[in-house]
Amino acid sequence: MSVNILDAIMNIVKDPVINVKEYSDSRNRANSMGAALEEYIKDMFAGTITTDNKERMKRFSEVFSYFGNQNNPPDFMIKGGDAVEVKKIESMGSGLALNSSYPKYKIFADSPMITQACKTAEKWEEKDIIYAVGVLPRNNRLRQLTLIYGVDYAAKEEVYTRIKDSISNGVNEIPGIEFAETRELGRVNRVDPLGITYLRIRGMWGIDNPLRVYDYIYKPDPDKEFNFMAIVNLDKYNTFKNKDEFERFIEGRTDIIMESVEIKDPNNPVQLVEAKLITYSL
């Protein structure tokens, strides 16, 4: 059985880590804070927060099918399960920089935006994607961690590709230019008389922080050292085979709470979607 978001949440509660820099340095795992946060998120899902590096590598090979890089989302994929994209921001109000990749409600094996290694890492056609957003200020202490599914956060792909295609087509219609095929918004070759100058047209996508998007159902506790929030739509939650185990795990606890909420459908905000809001703080 694949690990899932409920496993990750239980692992956070069992072994919370706030000082991500100290955690990373103790295991010689990453130099930058963004990379350190990503390693911690992997450990959350794999259940390797306290294991040594040898056992961790073995567990990773059992749990994950793919590790990505900064330029090719997702950051990792769970075998037979979801994909995960990790984002680090420095303040509660910051937006998420997505660069050339528009928000994903899901990822698809036939997408031109993912690598061949990702496409062939396992047998798959589409995966739900989890955005893991960590608020990690310059003091290297994790203040807030949010896990949110793309289907509850981003609109369907055609909403973004319509804008991208309109810009590309508009550039292509400018008379007297040589337009080249590219994965970016566009590229114009031979701009100058010598034909040696080119113009790259790149998209720089961004999206509001989930804390802003869902402020109508969740606000972090400013008096707590660390806050956690996850939103899982009810249809997805009901697919988890370990949901009974999770509900037993949180029963009687006061630091972790799960409640039923309604969230706006990203494709039609007047329609509400039933979901589970899971919060934890310390």
C-alpha atoms as a PDB file:
ATOM      1  CA  MET A   1       0.000   0.000   0.000  1.00  0.00           C
ATOM      2  CA  SER A   2       1.341   3.427  -0.969  1.00  0.00           C
ATOM      3  CA  VAL A   3       2.092   5.960   1.729  1.00  0.00           C
ATOM      4  CA  ASN A   4      -0.125   9.029   1.676  1.00  0.00           C
ATOM      5  CA  ILE A   5      -0.707  12.422   3.223  1.00  0.00           C
ATOM      6  CA  LEU A   6      -2.189  10.893   6.407  1.00  0.00           C
ATOM      7  CA  ASP A   7       1.044   8.949   6.997  1.00  0.00           C
ATOM      8  CA  ALA A   8       2.995  12.186   6.593  1.00  0.00           C
ATOM      9  CA  ILE A   9       0.781  14.002   9.093  1.00  0.00           C
ATOM     10  CA  MET A  10       1.139  11.244  11.689  1.00  0.00           C
ATOM     11  CA  ASN A  11       4.921  11.339  11.224  1.00  0.00           C
ATOM     12  CA  ILE A  12       4.960  15.117  11.766  1.00  0.00           C
ATOM     13  CA  VAL A  13       3.082  14.743  15.037  1.00  0.00           C
ATOM     14  CA  LYS A  14       5.273  11.858  16.225  1.00  0.00           C
ATOM     15  CA  ASP A  15       8.569  13.613  15.381  1.00  0.00           C
ATOM     16  CA  PRO A  16       8.067  17.350  14.825  1.00  0.00           C
ATOM     17  CA  VAL A  17      11.072  19.256  13.487  1.00  0.00           C
ATOM     18  CA  ILE A  18      11.131  23.044  13.746  1.00  0.00           C
ATOM     19  CA  ASN A  19      14.803  23.898  13.267  1.00  0.00           C
ATOM     20  CA  VAL A  20      15.171  22.647   9.698  1.00  0.00           C
ATOM     21  CA  LYS A  21      18.752  23.909   9.340  1.00  0.00           C
ATOM     22  CA  GLU A  22      19.933  22.052  12.449  1.00  0.00           C
ATOM     23  CA  TYR A  23      18.034  18.935  11.337  1.00  0.00           C
ATOM     24  CA  SER A  24      19.612  19.044   7.886  1.00  0.00           C
ATOM     25  CA  ASP A  25      23.132  19.780   9.140  1.00  0.00           C
ATOM     26  CA  SER A  26      23.011  16.907  11.607  1.00  0.00           C
ATOM     27  CA  ARG A  27      22.500  14.513   8.695  1.00  0.00           C
ATOM     28  CA  ASN A  28      24.675  16.255   6.076  1.00  0.00           C
ATOM     29  CA  ARG A  29      21.765  16.418   3.707  1.00  0.00           C
ATOM     30  CA  ALA A  30      21.415  19.850   2.111  1.00  0.00           C
ATOM     31  CA  ASN A  31      23.053  23.239   1.827  1.00  0.00           C
ATOM     32  CA  SER A  32      20.160  25.587   1.011  1.00  0.00           C
ATOM     33  CA  MET A  33      17.073  25.992   3.154  1.00  0.00           C
ATOM     34  CA  GLY A  34      14.805  25.140   0.248  1.00  0.00           C
ATOM     35  CA  ALA A  35      16.635  21.854  -0.270  1.00  0.00           C
ATOM     36  CA  ALA A  36      16.634  21.177   3.487  1.00  0.00           C
ATOM     37  CA  LEU A  37      12.869  21.669   3.616  1.00  0.00           C
ATOM     38  CA  GLU A  38      12.427  19.291   0.689  1.00  0.00           C
ATOM     39  CA  GLU A  39      14.503  16.619   2.446  1.00  0.00           C
ATOM     40  CA  TYR A  40      12.387  17.005   5.565  1.00  0.00           C
ATOM     41  CA  ILE A  41       9.159  16.629   3.543  1.00  0.00           C
ATOM     42  CA  LYS A  42      10.528  13.428   1.987  1.00  0.00           C
ATOM     43  CA  ASP A  43      11.298  12.115   5.477  1.00  0.00           C
ATOM     44  CA  MET A  44       7.761  12.963   6.591  1.00  0.00           C
ATOM     45  CA  PHE A  45       6.229  10.822   3.871  1.00  0.00           C
ATOM     46  CA  ALA A  46       8.755   7.988   4.117  1.00  0.00           C
ATOM     47  CA  GLY A  47       8.739   7.863   7.927  1.00  0.00           C
ATOM     48  CA  THR A  48      12.514   8.350   8.062  1.00  0.00           C
ATOM     49  CA  ILE A  49      12.774  11.424  10.273  1.00  0.00           C
ATOM     50  CA  THR A  50      14.839   9.575  12.888  1.00  0.00           C
ATOM     51  CA  THR A  51      16.489   6.848  10.787  1.00  0.00           C
ATOM     52  CA  ASP A  52      20.144   6.721   9.754  1.00  0.00           C
ATOM     53  CA  ASN A  53      21.169   7.485   6.179  1.00  0.00           C
ATOM     54  CA  LYS A  54      21.647   3.851   5.132  1.00  0.00           C
ATOM     55  CA  GLU A  55      18.169   2.805   6.240  1.00  0.00           C
ATOM     56  CA  ARG A  56      16.766   6.037   4.812  1.00  0.00           C
ATOM     57  CA  MET A  57      18.103   5.274   1.326  1.00  0.00           C
ATOM     58  CA  LYS A  58      16.561   1.805   1.448  1.00  0.00           C
ATOM     59  CA  ARG A  59      13.217   3.175   2.586  1.00  0.00           C
ATOM     60  CA  PHE A  60      13.264   5.845  -0.123  1.00  0.00           C
ATOM     61  CA  SER A  61      13.699   3.200  -2.824  1.00  0.00           C
ATOM     62  CA  GLU A  62      10.630   1.409  -1.443  1.00  0.00           C
ATOM     63  CA  VAL A  63       8.407   4.483  -1.144  1.00  0.00           C
ATOM     64  CA  PHE A  64       9.352   6.792  -4.023  1.00  0.00           C
ATOM     65  CA  SER A  65       9.553   6.265  -7.773  1.00  0.00           C
ATOM     66  CA  TYR A  66      11.035   9.615  -8.805  1.00  0.00           C
ATOM     67  CA  PHE A  67      13.017  12.586  -7.484  1.00  0.00           C
ATOM     68  CA  GLY A  68      12.895  15.733  -9.587  1.00  0.00           C
ATOM     69  CA  ASN A  69      14.889  18.948  -9.625  1.00  0.00           C
ATOM     70  CA  GLN A  70      14.333  22.692  -9.325  1.00  0.00           C
ATOM     71  CA  ASN A  71      13.402  23.160 -12.974  1.00  0.00           C
ATOM     72  CA  ASN A  72      11.183  20.105 -13.492  1.00  0.00           C
ATOM     73  CA  PRO A  73       8.235  19.551 -11.184  1.00  0.00           C
ATOM     74  CA  PRO A  74       7.240  17.533  -9.282  1.00  0.00           C
ATOM     75  CA  ASP A  75       9.936  17.315  -6.603  1.00  0.00           C
ATOM     76  CA  PHE A  76       9.098  13.664  -5.950  1.00  0.00           C
ATOM     77  CA  MET A  77       6.519  10.979  -6.688  1.00  0.00           C
ATOM     78  CA  ILE A  78       5.236   8.257  -4.391  1.00  0.00           C
ATOM     79  CA  LYS A  79       5.032   4.785  -5.932  1.00  0.00           C
ATOM     80  CA  GLY A  80       1.386   4.150  -6.765  1.00  0.00           C
ATOM     81  CA  GLY A  81       0.457   7.376  -5.009  1.00  0.00           C
ATOM     82  CA  ASP A  82       0.616  11.151  -5.223  1.00  0.00           C
ATOM     83  CA  ALA A  83       3.229  13.580  -6.492  1.00  0.00           C
ATOM     84  CA  VAL A  84       4.602  16.334  -4.240  1.00  0.00           C
ATOM     85  CA  GLU A  85       5.909  19.814  -5.031  1.00  0.00           C
ATOM     86  CA  VAL A  86       7.733  21.623  -2.197  1.00  0.00           C
ATOM     87  CA  LYS A  87       7.756  25.416  -1.933  1.00  0.00           C
ATOM     88  CA  LYS A  88       9.656  27.538   0.602  1.00  0.00           C
ATOM     89  CA  ILE A  89       8.596  31.071   1.468  1.00  0.00           C
ATOM     90  CA  GLU A  90       9.955  33.416   4.134  1.00  0.00           C
ATOM     91  CA  SER A  91       6.792  35.028   5.498  1.00  0.00           C
ATOM     92  CA  MET A  92       3.161  34.175   6.104  1.00  0.00           C
ATOM     93  CA  GLY A  93       2.054  36.709   3.483  1.00  0.00           C
ATOM     94  CA  SER A  94       4.422  35.736   0.674  1.00  0.00           C
ATOM     95  CA  GLY A  95       3.154  34.346  -2.612  1.00  0.00           C
ATOM     96  CA  LEU A  96       4.560  31.244  -4.293  1.00  0.00           C
ATOM     97  CA  ALA A  97       6.907  31.711  -7.244  1.00  0.00           C
ATOM     98  CA  LEU A  98       6.195  28.991  -9.814  1.00  0.00           C
ATOM     99  CA  ASN A  99       8.452  30.476 -12.522  1.00  0.00           C
ATOM    100  CA  SER A 100       7.787  28.956 -15.956  1.00  0.00           C
ATOM    101  CA  SER A 101       5.376  26.311 -14.632  1.00  0.00           C
ATOM    102  CA  TYR A 102       1.746  27.308 -14.159  1.00  0.00           C
ATOM    103  CA  PRO A 103      -0.169  25.836 -11.166  1.00  0.00           C
ATOM    104  CA  LYS A 104      -1.029  22.161 -11.498  1.00  0.00           C
ATOM    105  CA  TYR A 105      -4.330  20.678 -10.407  1.00  0.00           C
ATOM    106  CA  LYS A 106      -2.895  17.272 -11.388  1.00  0.00           C
ATOM    107  CA  ILE A 107       0.117  16.024 -13.324  1.00  0.00           C
ATOM    108  CA  PHE A 108      -0.089  13.868 -16.427  1.00  0.00           C
ATOM    109  CA  ALA A 109       2.410  11.426 -17.895  1.00  0.00           C
ATOM    110  CA  ASP A 110       2.016  12.930 -21.366  1.00  0.00           C
ATOM    111  CA  SER A 111       2.797  16.483 -20.249  1.00  0.00           C
ATOM    112  CA  PRO A 112       5.664  18.172 -22.146  1.00  0.00           C
ATOM    113  CA  MET A 113       6.643  19.982 -18.923  1.00  0.00           C
ATOM    114  CA  ILE A 114       7.943  16.873 -17.139  1.00  0.00           C
ATOM    115  CA  THR A 115      11.101  14.898 -17.809  1.00  0.00           C
ATOM    116  CA  GLN A 116      11.326  11.561 -19.567  1.00  0.00           C
ATOM    117  CA  ALA A 117      12.642  10.038 -16.338  1.00  0.00           C
ATOM    118  CA  CYS A 118       9.486  11.203 -14.576  1.00  0.00           C
ATOM    119  CA  LYS A 119       7.249   9.810 -17.323  1.00  0.00           C
ATOM    120  CA  THR A 120       8.865   6.363 -17.143  1.00  0.00           C
ATOM    121  CA  ALA A 121       9.542   6.170 -13.377  1.00  0.00           C
ATOM    122  CA  GLU A 122       6.543   3.886 -12.963  1.00  0.00           C
ATOM    123  CA  LYS A 123       3.438   2.928 -14.908  1.00  0.00           C
ATOM    124  CA  TRP A 124       1.092   5.889 -14.549  1.00  0.00           C
ATOM    125  CA  GLU A 125      -1.145   8.240 -16.514  1.00  0.00           C
ATOM    126  CA  GLU A 126      -2.114  10.897 -13.996  1.00  0.00           C
ATOM    127  CA  LYS A 127      -1.395  11.704 -10.366  1.00  0.00           C
ATOM    128  CA  ASP A 128      -2.826  14.041  -7.783  1.00  0.00           C
ATOM    129  CA  ILE A 129      -0.243  16.593  -6.730  1.00  0.00           C
ATOM    130  CA  ILE A 130       0.296  17.925  -3.216  1.00  0.00           C
ATOM    131  CA  TYR A 131       1.767  21.388  -2.716  1.00  0.00           C
ATOM    132  CA  ALA A 132       3.858  21.391   0.467  1.00  0.00           C
ATOM    133  CA  VAL A 133       4.405  25.024   1.462  1.00  0.00           C
ATOM    134  CA  GLY A 134       6.799  25.833   4.284  1.00  0.00           C
ATOM    135  CA  VAL A 135       7.150  29.259   5.900  1.00  0.00           C
ATOM    136  CA  LEU A 136      10.838  29.296   6.754  1.00  0.00           C
ATOM    137  CA  PRO A 137      12.172  32.705   7.833  1.00  0.00           C
ATOM    138  CA  ARG A 138      15.849  33.587   7.922  1.00  0.00           C
ATOM    139  CA  ASN A 139      16.160  32.179  11.450  1.00  0.00           C
ATOM    140  CA  ASN A 140      15.748  28.716   9.831  1.00  0.00           C
ATOM    141  CA  ARG A 141      12.885  27.747  12.116  1.00  0.00           C
ATOM    142  CA  LEU A 142       9.805  26.343  10.394  1.00  0.00           C
ATOM    143  CA  ARG A 143       6.821  28.478  11.443  1.00  0.00           C
ATOM    144  CA  GLN A 144       4.086  27.035   9.240  1.00  0.00           C
ATOM    145  CA  LEU A 145       3.713  23.996   7.018  1.00  0.00           C
ATOM    146  CA  THR A 146       0.749  23.581   4.677  1.00  0.00           C
ATOM    147  CA  LEU A 147      -0.197  20.542   2.595  1.00  0.00           C
ATOM    148  CA  ILE A 148      -2.815  21.175  -0.066  1.00  0.00           C
ATOM    149  CA  TYR A 149      -3.900  19.170  -3.097  1.00  0.00           C
ATOM    150  CA  GLY A 150      -3.689  20.811  -6.495  1.00  0.00           C
ATOM    151  CA  VAL A 151      -7.319  19.893  -7.264  1.00  0.00           C
ATOM    152  CA  ASP A 152      -8.375  22.022  -4.277  1.00  0.00           C
ATOM    153  CA  TYR A 153      -5.958  24.883  -5.035  1.00  0.00           C
ATOM    154  CA  ALA A 154      -5.519  25.325  -8.793  1.00  0.00           C
ATOM    155  CA  ALA A 155      -7.912  25.524 -11.724  1.00  0.00           C
ATOM    156  CA  LYS A 156      -7.876  22.975 -14.532  1.00  0.00           C
ATOM    157  CA  GLU A 157      -5.034  23.106 -17.019  1.00  0.00           C
ATOM    158  CA  GLU A 158      -6.977  24.767 -19.845  1.00  0.00           C
ATOM    159  CA  VAL A 159      -7.453  27.913 -17.738  1.00  0.00           C
ATOM    160  CA  TYR A 160      -3.693  28.525 -17.785  1.00  0.00           C
ATOM    161  CA  THR A 161      -2.861  27.163 -21.229  1.00  0.00           C
ATOM    162  CA  ARG A 162      -5.486  29.481 -22.770  1.00  0.00           C
ATOM    163  CA  ILE A 163      -3.516  32.494 -21.535  1.00  0.00           C
ATOM    164  CA  LYS A 164      -0.172  30.960 -22.516  1.00  0.00           C
ATOM    165  CA  ASP A 165      -1.399  30.091 -26.016  1.00  0.00           C
ATOM    166  CA  SER A 166      -2.972  33.516 -26.537  1.00  0.00           C
ATOM    167  CA  ILE A 167       0.350  35.220 -25.754  1.00  0.00           C
ATOM    168  CA  SER A 168       2.308  32.842 -27.994  1.00  0.00           C
ATOM    169  CA  ASN A 169      -0.150  33.261 -30.864  1.00  0.00           C
ATOM    170  CA  GLY A 170      -0.075  37.033 -30.474  1.00  0.00           C
ATOM    171  CA  VAL A 171       3.713  37.128 -30.801  1.00  0.00           C
ATOM    172  CA  ASN A 172       3.571  34.809 -33.785  1.00  0.00           C
ATOM    173  CA  GLU A 173       1.250  37.199 -35.617  1.00  0.00           C
ATOM    174  CA  ILE A 174       3.703  40.135 -35.506  1.00  0.00           C
ATOM    175  CA  PRO A 175       4.759  40.701 -39.134  1.00  0.00           C
ATOM    176  CA  GLY A 176       8.365  40.318 -40.226  1.00  0.00           C
ATOM    177  CA  ILE A 177       9.683  38.159 -37.381  1.00  0.00           C
ATOM    178  CA  GLU A 178      11.008  34.619 -37.242  1.00  0.00           C
ATOM    179  CA  PHE A 179       9.139  32.734 -34.548  1.00  0.00           C
ATOM    180  CA  ALA A 180      10.746  29.503 -33.266  1.00  0.00           C
ATOM    181  CA  GLU A 181       9.215  26.461 -31.583  1.00  0.00           C
ATOM    182  CA  THR A 182       9.867  26.476 -27.838  1.00  0.00           C
ATOM    183  CA  ARG A 183       8.428  25.244 -24.532  1.00  0.00           C
ATOM    184  CA  GLU A 184       8.527  28.826 -23.281  1.00  0.00           C
ATOM    185  CA  LEU A 185       5.906  31.427 -24.220  1.00  0.00           C
ATOM    186  CA  GLY A 186       7.873  32.192 -27.352  1.00  0.00           C
ATOM    187  CA  ARG A 187      11.213  32.774 -28.989  1.00  0.00           C
ATOM    188  CA  VAL A 188      11.935  35.247 -31.776  1.00  0.00           C
ATOM    189  CA  ASN A 189      15.078  34.553 -33.827  1.00  0.00           C
ATOM    190  CA  ARG A 190      17.155  36.840 -36.082  1.00  0.00           C
ATOM    191  CA  VAL A 191      15.891  40.085 -34.566  1.00  0.00           C
ATOM    192  CA  ASP A 192      18.778  42.191 -35.944  1.00  0.00           C
ATOM    193  CA  PRO A 193      20.134  42.581 -39.513  1.00  0.00           C
ATOM    194  CA  LEU A 194      23.022  40.163 -38.810  1.00  0.00           C
ATOM    195  CA  GLY A 195      20.567  37.572 -37.574  1.00  0.00           C
ATOM    196  CA  ILE A 196      22.536  37.012 -34.353  1.00  0.00           C
ATOM    197  CA  THR A 197      20.109  38.320 -31.738  1.00  0.00           C
ATOM    198  CA  TYR A 198      17.130  36.414 -30.358  1.00  0.00           C
ATOM    199  CA  LEU A 199      14.419  37.191 -27.845  1.00  0.00           C
ATOM    200  CA  ARG A 200      13.184  34.620 -25.303  1.00  0.00           C
ATOM    201  CA  ILE A 201       9.697  35.210 -23.927  1.00  0.00           C
ATOM    202  CA  ARG A 202       9.340  33.471 -20.610  1.00  0.00           C
ATOM    203  CA  GLY A 203       6.393  33.136 -18.274  1.00  0.00           C
ATOM    204  CA  MET A 204       6.883  33.856 -14.570  1.00  0.00           C
ATOM    205  CA  TRP A 205       3.870  32.310 -12.890  1.00  0.00           C
ATOM    206  CA  GLY A 206       2.943  32.858  -9.274  1.00  0.00           C
ATOM    207  CA  ILE A 207       0.051  31.936  -6.990  1.00  0.00           C
ATOM    208  CA  ASP A 208      -1.208  33.246  -3.659  1.00  0.00           C
ATOM    209  CA  ASN A 209      -0.071  31.490  -0.506  1.00  0.00           C
ATOM    210  CA  PRO A 210      -2.631  28.877   0.698  1.00  0.00           C
ATOM    211  CA  LEU A 211      -2.838  30.805   3.976  1.00  0.00           C
ATOM    212  CA  ARG A 212      -4.413  33.664   2.034  1.00  0.00           C
ATOM    213  CA  VAL A 213      -6.521  31.472  -0.220  1.00  0.00           C
ATOM    214  CA  TYR A 214      -8.091  29.588   2.706  1.00  0.00           C
ATOM    215  CA  ASP A 215      -8.158  32.349   5.311  1.00  0.00           C
ATOM    216  CA  TYR A 216     -11.944  31.857   5.542  1.00  0.00           C
ATOM    217  CA  ILE A 217     -11.435  28.480   7.242  1.00  0.00           C
ATOM    218  CA  TYR A 218      -7.952  28.650   8.802  1.00  0.00           C
ATOM    219  CA  LYS A 219      -5.691  31.130  10.567  1.00  0.00           C
ATOM    220  CA  PRO A 220      -2.372  30.174  12.211  1.00  0.00           C
ATOM    221  CA  ASP A 221      -2.091  30.659  15.961  1.00  0.00           C
ATOM    222  CA  PRO A 222       0.491  33.461  16.423  1.00  0.00           C
ATOM    223  CA  ASP A 223       1.212  32.292  19.974  1.00  0.00           C
ATOM    224  CA  LYS A 224       2.421  28.887  18.796  1.00  0.00           C
ATOM    225  CA  GLU A 225       5.980  28.152  17.719  1.00  0.00           C
ATOM    226  CA  PHE A 226       4.826  25.947  14.838  1.00  0.00           C
ATOM    227  CA  ASN A 227       1.535  25.612  12.967  1.00  0.00           C
ATOM    228  CA  PHE A 228       0.451  22.974  10.454  1.00  0.00           C
ATOM    229  CA  MET A 229      -2.551  22.836   8.158  1.00  0.00           C
ATOM    230  CA  ALA A 230      -3.728  20.320   5.564  1.00  0.00           C
ATOM    231  CA  ILE A 231      -6.845  20.339   3.417  1.00  0.00           C
ATOM    232  CA  VAL A 232      -8.058  17.123   1.788  1.00  0.00           C
ATOM    233  CA  ASN A 233     -11.281  17.057  -0.214  1.00  0.00           C
ATOM    234  CA  LEU A 234     -13.717  14.435   1.035  1.00  0.00           C
ATOM    235  CA  ASP A 235     -13.619  12.308  -2.131  1.00  0.00           C
ATOM    236  CA  LYS A 236      -9.843  11.977  -1.810  1.00  0.00           C
ATOM    237  CA  TYR A 237      -9.985  11.395   1.945  1.00  0.00           C
ATOM    238  CA  ASN A 238     -12.409   8.516   1.481  1.00  0.00           C
ATOM    239  CA  THR A 239      -9.941   6.705  -0.803  1.00  0.00           C
ATOM    240  CA  PHE A 240      -7.348   6.364   1.980  1.00  0.00           C
ATOM    241  CA  LYS A 241      -7.226   2.853   3.392  1.00  0.00           C
ATOM    242  CA  ASN A 242      -5.578   4.140   6.564  1.00  0.00           C
ATOM    243  CA  LYS A 243      -8.206   6.758   7.418  1.00  0.00           C
ATOM    244  CA  ASP A 244      -9.496   4.634  10.348  1.00  0.00           C
ATOM    245  CA  GLU A 245      -5.949   4.362  11.704  1.00  0.00           C
ATOM    246  CA  PHE A 246      -5.559   8.124  11.365  1.00  0.00           C
ATOM    247  CA  GLU A 247      -8.828   8.837  13.150  1.00  0.00           C
ATOM    248  CA  ARG A 248      -7.770   6.559  16.020  1.00  0.00           C
ATOM    249  CA  PHE A 249      -4.398   8.347  16.108  1.00  0.00           C
ATOM    250  CA  ILE A 250      -5.931  11.800  16.594  1.00  0.00           C
ATOM    251  CA  GLU A 251      -8.742  10.672  18.903  1.00  0.00           C
ATOM    252  CA  GLY A 252      -8.541  12.364  22.294  1.00  0.00           C
ATOM    253  CA  ARG A 253      -5.676  14.662  21.317  1.00  0.00           C
ATOM    254  CA  THR A 254      -5.907  18.429  21.667  1.00  0.00           C
ATOM    255  CA  ASP A 255      -2.879  19.400  19.573  1.00  0.00           C
ATOM    256  CA  ILE A 256      -4.206  17.903  16.324  1.00  0.00           C
ATOM    257  CA  ILE A 257      -7.773  18.473  15.156  1.00  0.00           C
ATOM    258  CA  MET A 258      -9.717  17.330  12.102  1.00  0.00           C
ATOM    259  CA  GLU A 259     -12.965  19.034  11.150  1.00  0.00           C
ATOM    260  CA  SER A 260     -15.349  18.971   8.217  1.00  0.00           C
ATOM    261  CA  VAL A 261     -15.354  22.159   6.145  1.00  0.00           C
ATOM    262  CA  GLU A 262     -16.515  23.444   2.776  1.00  0.00           C
ATOM    263  CA  ILE A 263     -14.039  25.028   0.372  1.00  0.00           C
ATOM    264  CA  LYS A 264     -14.497  26.928  -2.885  1.00  0.00           C
ATOM    265  CA  ASP A 265     -14.165  24.935  -6.095  1.00  0.00           C
ATOM    266  CA  PRO A 266     -11.125  26.443  -7.917  1.00  0.00           C
ATOM    267  CA  ASN A 267     -12.969  26.182 -11.232  1.00  0.00           C
ATOM    268  CA  ASN A 268     -16.247  27.668  -9.976  1.00  0.00           C
ATOM    269  CA  PRO A 269     -16.011  29.429  -6.595  1.00  0.00           C
ATOM    270  CA  VAL A 270     -19.773  29.597  -6.094  1.00  0.00           C
ATOM    271  CA  GLN A 271     -19.782  25.823  -5.775  1.00  0.00           C
ATOM    272  CA  LEU A 272     -18.550  24.416  -2.470  1.00  0.00           C
ATOM    273  CA  VAL A 273     -16.605  21.197  -2.009  1.00  0.00           C
ATOM    274  CA  GLU A 274     -16.715  19.096   1.157  1.00  0.00           C
ATOM    275  CA  ALA A 275     -13.271  18.658   2.687  1.00  0.00           C
ATOM    276  CA  LYS A 276     -11.330  17.756   5.809  1.00  0.00           C
ATOM    277  CA  LEU A 277      -9.292  20.467   7.518  1.00  0.00           C
ATOM    278  CA  ILE A 278      -6.496  19.007   9.644  1.00  0.00           C
ATOM    279  CA  THR A 279      -4.582  21.349  11.947  1.00  0.00           C
ATOM    280  CA  TYR A 280      -1.732  20.847  14.406  1.00  0.00           C
ATOM    281  CA  SER A 281       0.357  23.225  16.493  1.00  0.00           C
ATOM    282  CA  LEU A 282       2.992  23.216  19.196  1.00  0.00           C
END
